[in-house]
């Protein structure tokens, strides 16, 4: 079984190579290719080409290579997705002592897993919601946010089959005035 990932809006192609004597012939034997794909037989294999315009999803097909010596079957999963990006602000502005619930949002298919590298102030937690979003919530009484030694490591990270993208993140803490 094999999985290939393509990104909507980006053309790409994948060679299907086979070996054997005589040269095997490759064909699609079950399933269908998703919209935007073409399958062309070549000498010694085939070429799968994606024109960059498909529908997000996971598609399954089966390829077969045959010659006088027999046949070999290969299951293929094709994931058509969209590029990852963050859509929520990169700064969380809070007031010490006031409860907060901040939603981190992303785009991308499949929905990415979100992880936190930012040292959150005490009292705040980070939870991946499992759907391409995460929630930072709680109440902090901290006077100042934690300082990052290496600002490039103060990030929230999104990961899916298309790759990983990170976004620098920061927390700004305001304080209630004293009476």
N, C-alpha and C. Protein backbone atom coordinates (compact mmCIF):
# COMPACT_ATOMS: atom_id res chain seq x y z
N UNK A 1 0.84 -1.17 0.00
CA UNK A 1 0.00 0.00 0.00
C UNK A 1 0.89 1.24 0.00
N UNK A 2 0.48 2.25 -0.71
CA UNK A 2 1.26 3.48 -0.86
C UNK A 2 0.31 4.66 -0.73
N UNK A 3 0.81 5.78 -0.19
CA UNK A 3 0.02 7.00 -0.07
C UNK A 3 0.79 8.15 -0.70
N UNK A 4 0.09 8.91 -1.53
CA UNK A 4 0.66 10.12 -2.12
C UNK A 4 -0.22 11.29 -1.72
N UNK A 5 0.40 12.43 -1.41
CA UNK A 5 -0.31 13.65 -1.03
C UNK A 5 -0.10 14.69 -2.11
N UNK A 6 -1.18 15.34 -2.55
CA UNK A 6 -1.08 16.46 -3.49
C UNK A 6 -1.82 17.65 -2.89
N UNK A 7 -1.39 18.83 -3.29
CA UNK A 7 -1.97 20.06 -2.77
C UNK A 7 -2.77 20.74 -3.85
N UNK A 8 -4.04 21.07 -3.53
CA UNK A 8 -4.86 21.82 -4.48
C UNK A 8 -4.14 23.12 -4.84
N UNK A 9 -4.19 23.45 -6.11
CA UNK A 9 -3.55 24.66 -6.59
C UNK A 9 -2.11 24.43 -7.03
N UNK A 10 -1.59 23.21 -6.85
CA UNK A 10 -0.21 22.91 -7.23
C UNK A 10 -0.22 21.68 -8.14
N UNK A 11 0.21 21.86 -9.38
CA UNK A 11 0.30 20.73 -10.31
C UNK A 11 1.46 19.83 -9.90
N UNK A 12 1.29 18.52 -10.10
CA UNK A 12 2.36 17.58 -9.78
C UNK A 12 2.16 16.29 -10.56
N UNK A 13 3.20 15.50 -10.62
CA UNK A 13 3.08 14.21 -11.28
C UNK A 13 3.92 13.18 -10.56
N UNK A 14 3.52 11.91 -10.71
CA UNK A 14 4.16 10.80 -10.03
C UNK A 14 4.41 9.68 -11.03
N UNK A 15 5.65 9.27 -11.18
CA UNK A 15 5.90 8.11 -12.04
C UNK A 15 5.53 6.82 -11.30
N UNK A 16 4.99 5.88 -12.03
CA UNK A 16 4.75 4.53 -11.52
C UNK A 16 5.73 3.65 -12.27
N UNK A 17 6.74 3.15 -11.58
CA UNK A 17 7.76 2.35 -12.25
C UNK A 17 7.62 0.88 -11.86
N UNK A 18 7.87 0.02 -12.83
CA UNK A 18 7.82 -1.42 -12.62
C UNK A 18 9.03 -2.04 -13.31
N UNK A 19 9.42 -3.21 -12.84
CA UNK A 19 10.52 -3.94 -13.47
C UNK A 19 10.06 -5.36 -13.77
N UNK A 20 10.70 -5.98 -14.72
CA UNK A 20 10.38 -7.36 -15.07
C UNK A 20 10.66 -7.59 -16.54
N UNK A 21 10.78 -8.87 -16.90
CA UNK A 21 10.99 -9.25 -18.29
C UNK A 21 9.96 -10.29 -18.65
N UNK A 22 9.19 -10.06 -19.67
CA UNK A 22 9.10 -8.83 -20.44
C UNK A 22 8.54 -7.68 -19.60
N UNK A 23 8.70 -6.47 -20.10
CA UNK A 23 8.27 -5.28 -19.37
C UNK A 23 6.78 -5.38 -19.04
N UNK A 24 6.43 -5.25 -17.75
CA UNK A 24 5.02 -5.34 -17.36
C UNK A 24 4.20 -4.15 -17.87
N UNK A 25 2.92 -4.40 -18.03
CA UNK A 25 1.98 -3.34 -18.39
C UNK A 25 1.22 -2.94 -17.13
N UNK A 26 1.12 -1.64 -16.88
CA UNK A 26 0.45 -1.12 -15.68
C UNK A 26 -0.96 -0.67 -16.06
N UNK A 27 -1.92 -1.02 -15.21
CA UNK A 27 -3.30 -0.58 -15.44
C UNK A 27 -4.00 -0.32 -14.11
N UNK A 28 -5.06 0.48 -14.18
CA UNK A 28 -5.94 0.71 -13.03
C UNK A 28 -6.94 -0.43 -13.02
N UNK A 29 -7.08 -1.14 -11.88
CA UNK A 29 -8.03 -2.26 -11.88
C UNK A 29 -9.23 -2.04 -10.96
N UNK A 30 -9.14 -1.11 -10.02
CA UNK A 30 -10.32 -0.81 -9.20
C UNK A 30 -10.21 0.61 -8.67
N UNK A 31 -11.38 1.11 -8.26
CA UNK A 31 -11.41 2.50 -7.81
C UNK A 31 -11.29 3.42 -9.00
N UNK A 32 -11.40 4.68 -8.75
CA UNK A 32 -11.22 5.66 -9.82
C UNK A 32 -10.33 6.77 -9.31
N UNK A 33 -9.71 7.43 -10.25
CA UNK A 33 -8.86 8.55 -9.88
C UNK A 33 -9.72 9.76 -9.54
N UNK A 34 -9.30 10.55 -8.56
CA UNK A 34 -10.07 11.75 -8.22
C UNK A 34 -10.01 12.79 -9.34
N UNK A 35 -10.94 13.72 -9.28
CA UNK A 35 -10.97 14.82 -10.25
C UNK A 35 -9.61 15.51 -10.30
N UNK A 36 -9.18 15.87 -11.49
CA UNK A 36 -7.91 16.56 -11.66
C UNK A 36 -6.74 15.63 -11.96
N UNK A 37 -6.97 14.31 -11.90
CA UNK A 37 -5.89 13.34 -12.15
C UNK A 37 -6.05 12.70 -13.52
N UNK A 38 -4.90 12.37 -14.10
CA UNK A 38 -4.90 11.57 -15.32
C UNK A 38 -3.89 10.44 -15.14
N UNK A 39 -4.11 9.35 -15.86
CA UNK A 39 -3.26 8.16 -15.81
C UNK A 39 -2.86 7.84 -17.24
N UNK A 40 -1.55 7.83 -17.50
CA UNK A 40 -1.05 7.54 -18.84
C UNK A 40 -0.03 6.42 -18.73
N UNK A 41 -0.23 5.36 -19.53
CA UNK A 41 0.74 4.27 -19.56
C UNK A 41 1.99 4.73 -20.28
N UNK A 42 3.15 4.28 -19.78
CA UNK A 42 4.43 4.59 -20.41
C UNK A 42 5.20 3.29 -20.57
N UNK A 43 6.33 3.33 -21.30
CA UNK A 43 7.17 2.14 -21.40
C UNK A 43 7.74 1.86 -20.02
N UNK A 44 7.42 0.72 -19.46
CA UNK A 44 7.95 0.36 -18.15
C UNK A 44 7.23 0.98 -16.99
N UNK A 45 5.97 1.38 -17.17
CA UNK A 45 5.22 1.94 -16.05
C UNK A 45 4.06 2.79 -16.47
N UNK A 46 3.87 3.86 -15.73
CA UNK A 46 2.77 4.79 -15.99
C UNK A 46 3.11 6.12 -15.33
N UNK A 47 2.30 7.10 -15.63
CA UNK A 47 2.47 8.43 -15.06
C UNK A 47 1.13 8.88 -14.52
N UNK A 48 1.09 9.26 -13.24
CA UNK A 48 -0.09 9.89 -12.65
C UNK A 48 0.19 11.38 -12.61
N UNK A 49 -0.73 12.18 -13.15
CA UNK A 49 -0.54 13.63 -13.19
C UNK A 49 -1.74 14.31 -12.55
N UNK A 50 -1.46 15.29 -11.69
CA UNK A 50 -2.50 16.09 -11.04
C UNK A 50 -2.41 17.50 -11.59
N UNK A 51 -3.54 18.02 -12.10
CA UNK A 51 -3.53 19.35 -12.71
C UNK A 51 -3.68 20.48 -11.70
N UNK A 52 -3.80 20.15 -10.41
CA UNK A 52 -3.88 21.17 -9.38
C UNK A 52 -5.29 21.59 -9.01
N UNK A 53 -6.30 21.00 -9.67
CA UNK A 53 -7.69 21.38 -9.39
C UNK A 53 -8.49 20.14 -9.03
N UNK A 54 -8.53 19.84 -7.73
CA UNK A 54 -9.26 18.66 -7.28
C UNK A 54 -10.16 18.99 -6.11
N UNK A 55 -10.76 17.95 -5.56
CA UNK A 55 -11.63 18.09 -4.39
C UNK A 55 -10.94 17.43 -3.21
N UNK A 56 -10.84 18.16 -2.09
CA UNK A 56 -10.19 17.61 -0.91
C UNK A 56 -10.81 16.28 -0.52
N UNK A 57 -9.96 15.34 -0.16
CA UNK A 57 -10.43 14.04 0.27
C UNK A 57 -9.34 13.00 0.13
N UNK A 58 -9.66 11.79 0.58
CA UNK A 58 -8.75 10.66 0.43
C UNK A 58 -9.41 9.68 -0.52
N UNK A 59 -8.68 9.29 -1.55
CA UNK A 59 -9.20 8.43 -2.61
C UNK A 59 -8.36 7.17 -2.69
N UNK A 60 -9.00 6.06 -3.01
CA UNK A 60 -8.31 4.77 -3.07
C UNK A 60 -8.48 4.16 -4.46
N UNK A 61 -7.40 3.64 -4.98
CA UNK A 61 -7.42 2.95 -6.27
C UNK A 61 -6.41 1.80 -6.19
N UNK A 62 -6.53 0.89 -7.12
CA UNK A 62 -5.61 -0.24 -7.16
C UNK A 62 -4.98 -0.30 -8.54
N UNK A 63 -3.65 -0.43 -8.56
CA UNK A 63 -2.90 -0.56 -9.80
C UNK A 63 -2.45 -2.01 -9.93
N UNK A 64 -2.28 -2.45 -11.16
CA UNK A 64 -1.81 -3.81 -11.42
C UNK A 64 -0.73 -3.76 -12.49
N UNK A 65 0.32 -4.53 -12.28
CA UNK A 65 1.37 -4.70 -13.29
C UNK A 65 1.33 -6.16 -13.71
N UNK A 66 1.23 -6.39 -15.01
CA UNK A 66 1.15 -7.78 -15.51
C UNK A 66 2.15 -7.99 -16.65
N UNK A 67 2.68 -9.22 -16.70
CA UNK A 67 3.48 -9.67 -17.83
C UNK A 67 3.34 -11.19 -17.88
N UNK A 68 4.09 -11.85 -18.74
CA UNK A 68 3.99 -13.30 -18.90
C UNK A 68 4.32 -14.03 -17.60
N UNK A 69 5.07 -13.41 -16.72
CA UNK A 69 5.46 -14.03 -15.45
C UNK A 69 4.41 -13.94 -14.36
N UNK A 70 3.38 -13.13 -14.56
CA UNK A 70 2.33 -13.01 -13.54
C UNK A 70 1.86 -11.59 -13.36
N UNK A 71 1.33 -11.33 -12.18
CA UNK A 71 0.81 -9.99 -11.91
C UNK A 71 1.16 -9.58 -10.48
N UNK A 72 1.27 -8.26 -10.29
CA UNK A 72 1.51 -7.67 -8.97
C UNK A 72 0.48 -6.56 -8.81
N UNK A 73 -0.12 -6.51 -7.61
CA UNK A 73 -1.15 -5.51 -7.33
C UNK A 73 -0.62 -4.53 -6.29
N UNK A 74 -0.89 -3.25 -6.48
CA UNK A 74 -0.48 -2.21 -5.53
C UNK A 74 -1.69 -1.34 -5.20
N UNK A 75 -2.04 -1.27 -3.90
CA UNK A 75 -3.10 -0.36 -3.46
C UNK A 75 -2.50 1.03 -3.31
N UNK A 76 -3.23 2.03 -3.76
CA UNK A 76 -2.75 3.40 -3.73
C UNK A 76 -3.80 4.30 -3.09
N UNK A 77 -3.38 5.08 -2.10
CA UNK A 77 -4.24 6.11 -1.50
C UNK A 77 -3.71 7.46 -1.96
N UNK A 78 -4.62 8.29 -2.41
CA UNK A 78 -4.26 9.64 -2.85
C UNK A 78 -5.00 10.62 -1.95
N UNK A 79 -4.25 11.49 -1.27
CA UNK A 79 -4.85 12.51 -0.41
C UNK A 79 -4.73 13.84 -1.15
N UNK A 80 -5.88 14.44 -1.46
CA UNK A 80 -5.91 15.77 -2.08
C UNK A 80 -6.23 16.73 -0.95
N UNK A 81 -5.34 17.69 -0.72
CA UNK A 81 -5.52 18.60 0.41
C UNK A 81 -5.22 20.03 0.07
N UNK A 82 -5.26 20.86 1.09
CA UNK A 82 -4.93 22.28 0.95
C UNK A 82 -3.79 22.61 1.89
N UNK A 83 -3.06 23.64 1.53
CA UNK A 83 -1.91 24.04 2.32
C UNK A 83 -2.32 24.52 3.70
N UNK A 84 -1.43 24.26 4.64
CA UNK A 84 -1.65 24.69 6.02
C UNK A 84 -1.36 26.17 6.17
N UNK A 85 -2.19 26.82 6.96
CA UNK A 85 -1.88 28.18 7.39
C UNK A 85 -2.70 28.51 8.63
N UNK A 86 -2.18 29.42 9.41
CA UNK A 86 -2.88 29.87 10.61
C UNK A 86 -3.80 31.02 10.24
N UNK A 87 -5.00 31.05 10.83
CA UNK A 87 -5.95 32.12 10.57
C UNK A 87 -6.27 32.95 11.82
N UNK A 88 -5.77 32.52 12.96
CA UNK A 88 -6.01 33.27 14.21
C UNK A 88 -4.85 34.24 14.45
N UNK A 89 -5.05 35.23 15.32
CA UNK A 89 -3.97 36.17 15.64
C UNK A 89 -2.76 35.46 16.25
N UNK A 90 -1.61 36.09 16.13
CA UNK A 90 -0.37 35.51 16.67
C UNK A 90 -0.05 36.03 18.07
N UNK A 91 -0.88 36.93 18.58
CA UNK A 91 -0.69 37.45 19.93
C UNK A 91 -1.98 37.28 20.72
N UNK A 92 -1.83 36.79 21.94
CA UNK A 92 -2.95 36.65 22.86
C UNK A 92 -2.84 37.76 23.89
N UNK A 93 -3.79 38.68 23.88
CA UNK A 93 -3.82 39.78 24.84
C UNK A 93 -4.77 39.41 25.96
N UNK A 94 -4.25 39.35 27.20
CA UNK A 94 -5.08 38.97 28.34
C UNK A 94 -4.87 39.96 29.48
N UNK A 95 -5.76 39.89 30.46
CA UNK A 95 -5.63 40.68 31.68
C UNK A 95 -5.47 39.70 32.83
N UNK A 96 -4.45 39.93 33.65
CA UNK A 96 -4.19 39.06 34.79
C UNK A 96 -5.44 38.98 35.66
N UNK A 97 -5.79 37.76 36.08
CA UNK A 97 -6.92 37.55 36.96
C UNK A 97 -8.26 37.39 36.25
N UNK A 98 -8.31 37.61 34.95
CA UNK A 98 -9.55 37.48 34.18
C UNK A 98 -9.46 36.18 33.34
N UNK A 99 -10.47 35.29 33.44
CA UNK A 99 -10.43 34.05 32.66
C UNK A 99 -10.38 34.35 31.15
N UNK A 100 -9.66 33.48 30.42
CA UNK A 100 -9.51 33.65 28.98
C UNK A 100 -9.79 32.32 28.29
N UNK A 101 -10.35 32.42 27.10
CA UNK A 101 -10.49 31.26 26.22
C UNK A 101 -10.19 31.77 24.81
N UNK A 102 -9.06 31.35 24.27
CA UNK A 102 -8.57 31.83 22.97
C UNK A 102 -8.53 30.65 22.03
N UNK A 103 -9.10 30.79 20.85
CA UNK A 103 -9.13 29.70 19.88
C UNK A 103 -8.07 29.92 18.81
N UNK A 104 -7.18 28.96 18.68
CA UNK A 104 -6.18 28.95 17.61
C UNK A 104 -6.84 28.26 16.42
N UNK A 105 -6.84 28.91 15.25
CA UNK A 105 -7.50 28.34 14.07
C UNK A 105 -6.52 28.22 12.91
N UNK A 106 -6.79 27.22 12.07
CA UNK A 106 -5.96 26.97 10.89
C UNK A 106 -6.85 26.60 9.72
N UNK A 107 -6.26 26.59 8.54
CA UNK A 107 -6.89 25.99 7.38
C UNK A 107 -5.96 24.89 6.91
N UNK A 108 -6.48 23.98 6.16
CA UNK A 108 -5.68 22.88 5.63
C UNK A 108 -6.45 21.59 5.72
N UNK A 109 -6.23 20.74 4.71
CA UNK A 109 -6.83 19.41 4.72
C UNK A 109 -5.75 18.41 4.43
N UNK A 110 -5.71 17.32 5.18
CA UNK A 110 -6.53 16.99 6.34
C UNK A 110 -6.27 17.95 7.49
N UNK A 111 -7.23 18.02 8.43
CA UNK A 111 -7.11 18.92 9.58
C UNK A 111 -5.81 18.63 10.32
N UNK A 112 -5.02 19.65 10.59
CA UNK A 112 -3.73 19.42 11.23
C UNK A 112 -3.84 19.16 12.73
N UNK A 113 -2.80 18.53 13.25
CA UNK A 113 -2.61 18.39 14.69
C UNK A 113 -1.85 19.63 15.13
N UNK A 114 -2.28 20.25 16.22
CA UNK A 114 -1.64 21.46 16.72
C UNK A 114 -0.88 21.15 18.01
N UNK A 115 0.34 21.65 18.08
CA UNK A 115 1.14 21.51 19.29
C UNK A 115 1.68 22.88 19.67
N UNK A 116 1.99 23.03 20.95
CA UNK A 116 2.44 24.31 21.47
C UNK A 116 3.89 24.23 21.91
N UNK A 117 4.72 25.16 21.45
CA UNK A 117 6.10 25.30 21.92
C UNK A 117 6.27 26.54 22.78
N UNK A 118 5.22 27.36 22.89
CA UNK A 118 5.31 28.61 23.62
C UNK A 118 5.16 28.34 25.12
N UNK A 119 6.03 28.93 25.96
CA UNK A 119 5.90 28.73 27.41
C UNK A 119 4.74 29.57 27.96
N UNK A 120 3.57 28.96 28.05
CA UNK A 120 2.39 29.69 28.52
C UNK A 120 2.54 30.13 29.97
N UNK A 121 2.01 31.29 30.31
CA UNK A 121 2.02 31.72 31.72
C UNK A 121 1.30 30.70 32.59
N UNK A 122 1.70 30.59 33.86
CA UNK A 122 1.07 29.63 34.77
C UNK A 122 -0.43 29.92 34.83
N UNK A 123 -1.22 28.86 34.87
CA UNK A 123 -2.67 28.98 34.91
C UNK A 123 -3.33 28.83 33.56
N UNK A 124 -2.55 28.89 32.48
CA UNK A 124 -3.11 28.72 31.14
C UNK A 124 -2.73 27.35 30.59
N UNK A 125 -3.65 26.73 29.86
CA UNK A 125 -3.39 25.43 29.24
C UNK A 125 -3.65 25.50 27.74
N UNK A 126 -3.01 24.59 27.02
CA UNK A 126 -3.17 24.47 25.58
C UNK A 126 -3.79 23.11 25.30
N UNK A 127 -4.87 23.07 24.51
CA UNK A 127 -5.53 21.81 24.17
C UNK A 127 -5.80 21.76 22.67
N UNK A 128 -5.25 20.74 22.00
CA UNK A 128 -5.57 20.49 20.59
C UNK A 128 -6.99 19.92 20.56
N UNK A 129 -7.88 20.53 19.79
CA UNK A 129 -9.27 20.09 19.72
C UNK A 129 -9.50 18.96 18.72
N UNK A 130 -8.46 18.57 17.97
CA UNK A 130 -8.57 17.46 17.04
C UNK A 130 -9.25 17.79 15.73
N UNK A 131 -9.50 19.06 15.45
CA UNK A 131 -10.19 19.46 14.22
C UNK A 131 -9.51 20.63 13.52
N UNK A 132 -8.22 20.81 13.74
CA UNK A 132 -7.51 21.93 13.14
C UNK A 132 -7.57 23.19 13.99
N UNK A 133 -8.14 23.08 15.19
CA UNK A 133 -8.17 24.21 16.12
C UNK A 133 -7.58 23.75 17.45
N UNK A 134 -7.23 24.71 18.27
CA UNK A 134 -6.78 24.45 19.64
C UNK A 134 -7.33 25.56 20.52
N UNK A 135 -7.38 25.30 21.81
CA UNK A 135 -7.87 26.29 22.75
C UNK A 135 -6.83 26.56 23.82
N UNK A 136 -6.55 27.83 24.04
CA UNK A 136 -5.72 28.26 25.16
C UNK A 136 -6.69 28.86 26.16
N UNK A 137 -6.72 28.29 27.37
CA UNK A 137 -7.71 28.76 28.33
C UNK A 137 -7.15 28.74 29.74
N UNK A 138 -7.87 29.42 30.63
CA UNK A 138 -7.50 29.46 32.03
C UNK A 138 -7.43 30.88 32.53
N UNK A 139 -6.81 31.03 33.71
CA UNK A 139 -6.63 32.34 34.33
C UNK A 139 -5.21 32.41 34.85
N UNK A 140 -4.52 33.48 34.52
CA UNK A 140 -3.18 33.65 35.05
C UNK A 140 -3.15 34.88 35.95
N UNK A 141 -2.33 34.80 36.97
CA UNK A 141 -2.10 35.94 37.86
C UNK A 141 -0.66 36.41 37.72
N UNK A 142 0.02 35.86 36.73
CA UNK A 142 1.41 36.19 36.50
C UNK A 142 1.53 37.67 36.13
N UNK A 143 2.60 38.29 36.59
CA UNK A 143 2.81 39.71 36.30
C UNK A 143 3.34 39.93 34.89
N UNK A 144 4.19 39.02 34.43
CA UNK A 144 4.81 39.18 33.11
C UNK A 144 4.79 37.83 32.41
N UNK A 145 4.66 37.81 31.09
CA UNK A 145 4.72 36.53 30.38
C UNK A 145 6.13 35.95 30.43
N UNK A 146 6.23 34.64 30.22
CA UNK A 146 7.54 34.00 30.14
C UNK A 146 8.27 34.57 28.94
N UNK A 147 9.57 34.75 29.08
CA UNK A 147 10.37 35.24 27.97
C UNK A 147 11.00 34.05 27.25
N UNK A 148 10.97 34.08 25.95
CA UNK A 148 11.58 33.01 25.17
C UNK A 148 13.05 33.32 24.97
N UNK A 149 13.88 32.35 25.24
CA UNK A 149 15.31 32.53 25.02
C UNK A 149 15.58 32.61 23.52
N UNK A 150 14.92 31.76 22.75
CA UNK A 150 15.05 31.76 21.29
C UNK A 150 13.66 32.03 20.71
N UNK A 151 13.37 33.29 20.30
CA UNK A 151 12.03 33.62 19.81
C UNK A 151 11.54 32.73 18.67
N UNK A 152 12.45 32.16 17.89
CA UNK A 152 12.01 31.28 16.80
C UNK A 152 11.40 29.99 17.33
N UNK A 153 11.64 29.69 18.60
CA UNK A 153 11.07 28.48 19.21
C UNK A 153 9.78 28.76 19.97
N UNK A 154 9.33 30.00 20.01
CA UNK A 154 8.09 30.37 20.71
C UNK A 154 6.96 30.33 19.70
N UNK A 155 6.50 29.12 19.41
CA UNK A 155 5.57 28.96 18.30
C UNK A 155 4.50 27.94 18.62
N UNK A 156 3.44 28.02 17.82
CA UNK A 156 2.44 26.97 17.75
C UNK A 156 2.68 26.29 16.41
N UNK A 157 2.62 24.97 16.40
CA UNK A 157 2.98 24.19 15.22
C UNK A 157 1.77 23.40 14.73
N UNK A 158 1.52 23.43 13.42
CA UNK A 158 0.45 22.66 12.79
C UNK A 158 1.10 21.62 11.87
N UNK A 159 0.64 20.36 11.97
CA UNK A 159 1.22 19.29 11.16
C UNK A 159 0.11 18.41 10.58
N UNK A 160 0.21 18.14 9.28
CA UNK A 160 -0.66 17.15 8.65
C UNK A 160 0.13 16.45 7.54
N UNK A 161 -0.55 15.69 6.72
CA UNK A 161 0.13 14.91 5.67
C UNK A 161 0.90 15.78 4.69
N UNK A 162 0.53 17.05 4.55
CA UNK A 162 1.22 17.92 3.61
C UNK A 162 2.50 18.51 4.18
N UNK A 163 2.66 18.44 5.50
CA UNK A 163 3.87 18.98 6.11
C UNK A 163 3.60 19.65 7.43
N UNK A 164 4.49 20.57 7.77
CA UNK A 164 4.44 21.27 9.05
C UNK A 164 4.63 22.76 8.81
N UNK A 165 3.85 23.55 9.53
CA UNK A 165 4.03 24.99 9.49
C UNK A 165 3.97 25.48 10.94
N UNK A 166 4.81 26.46 11.27
CA UNK A 166 4.79 27.00 12.62
C UNK A 166 4.55 28.51 12.55
N UNK A 167 4.01 29.02 13.64
CA UNK A 167 3.73 30.45 13.72
C UNK A 167 4.25 30.95 15.06
N UNK A 168 5.09 31.98 15.00
CA UNK A 168 5.55 32.59 16.24
C UNK A 168 4.34 33.09 17.00
N UNK A 169 4.38 32.95 18.30
CA UNK A 169 3.24 33.27 19.14
C UNK A 169 3.73 34.02 20.36
N UNK A 170 2.88 34.90 20.91
CA UNK A 170 3.26 35.62 22.13
C UNK A 170 2.01 35.89 22.96
N UNK A 171 2.24 36.12 24.24
CA UNK A 171 1.17 36.47 25.16
C UNK A 171 1.52 37.83 25.76
N UNK A 172 0.55 38.74 25.75
CA UNK A 172 0.72 40.06 26.36
C UNK A 172 -0.23 40.12 27.57
N UNK A 173 0.34 40.43 28.75
CA UNK A 173 -0.48 40.44 29.97
C UNK A 173 -0.65 41.89 30.45
N UNK A 174 -1.90 42.32 30.54
CA UNK A 174 -2.23 43.61 31.12
C UNK A 174 -2.65 43.37 32.57
N UNK A 175 -2.59 44.40 33.38
CA UNK A 175 -2.94 44.26 34.81
C UNK A 175 -4.04 45.23 35.15
N UNK A 176 -4.93 44.78 36.02
CA UNK A 176 -6.00 45.67 36.49
C UNK A 176 -5.37 46.75 37.36
N UNK A 177 -5.81 47.99 37.21
CA UNK A 177 -5.25 49.06 38.06
C UNK A 177 -5.66 48.85 39.51
N UNK A 178 -4.80 49.27 40.42
CA UNK A 178 -5.11 49.19 41.85
C UNK A 178 -6.06 50.32 42.23
N UNK A 179 -6.96 50.03 43.14
CA UNK A 179 -7.90 51.08 43.60
C UNK A 179 -7.24 51.94 44.64
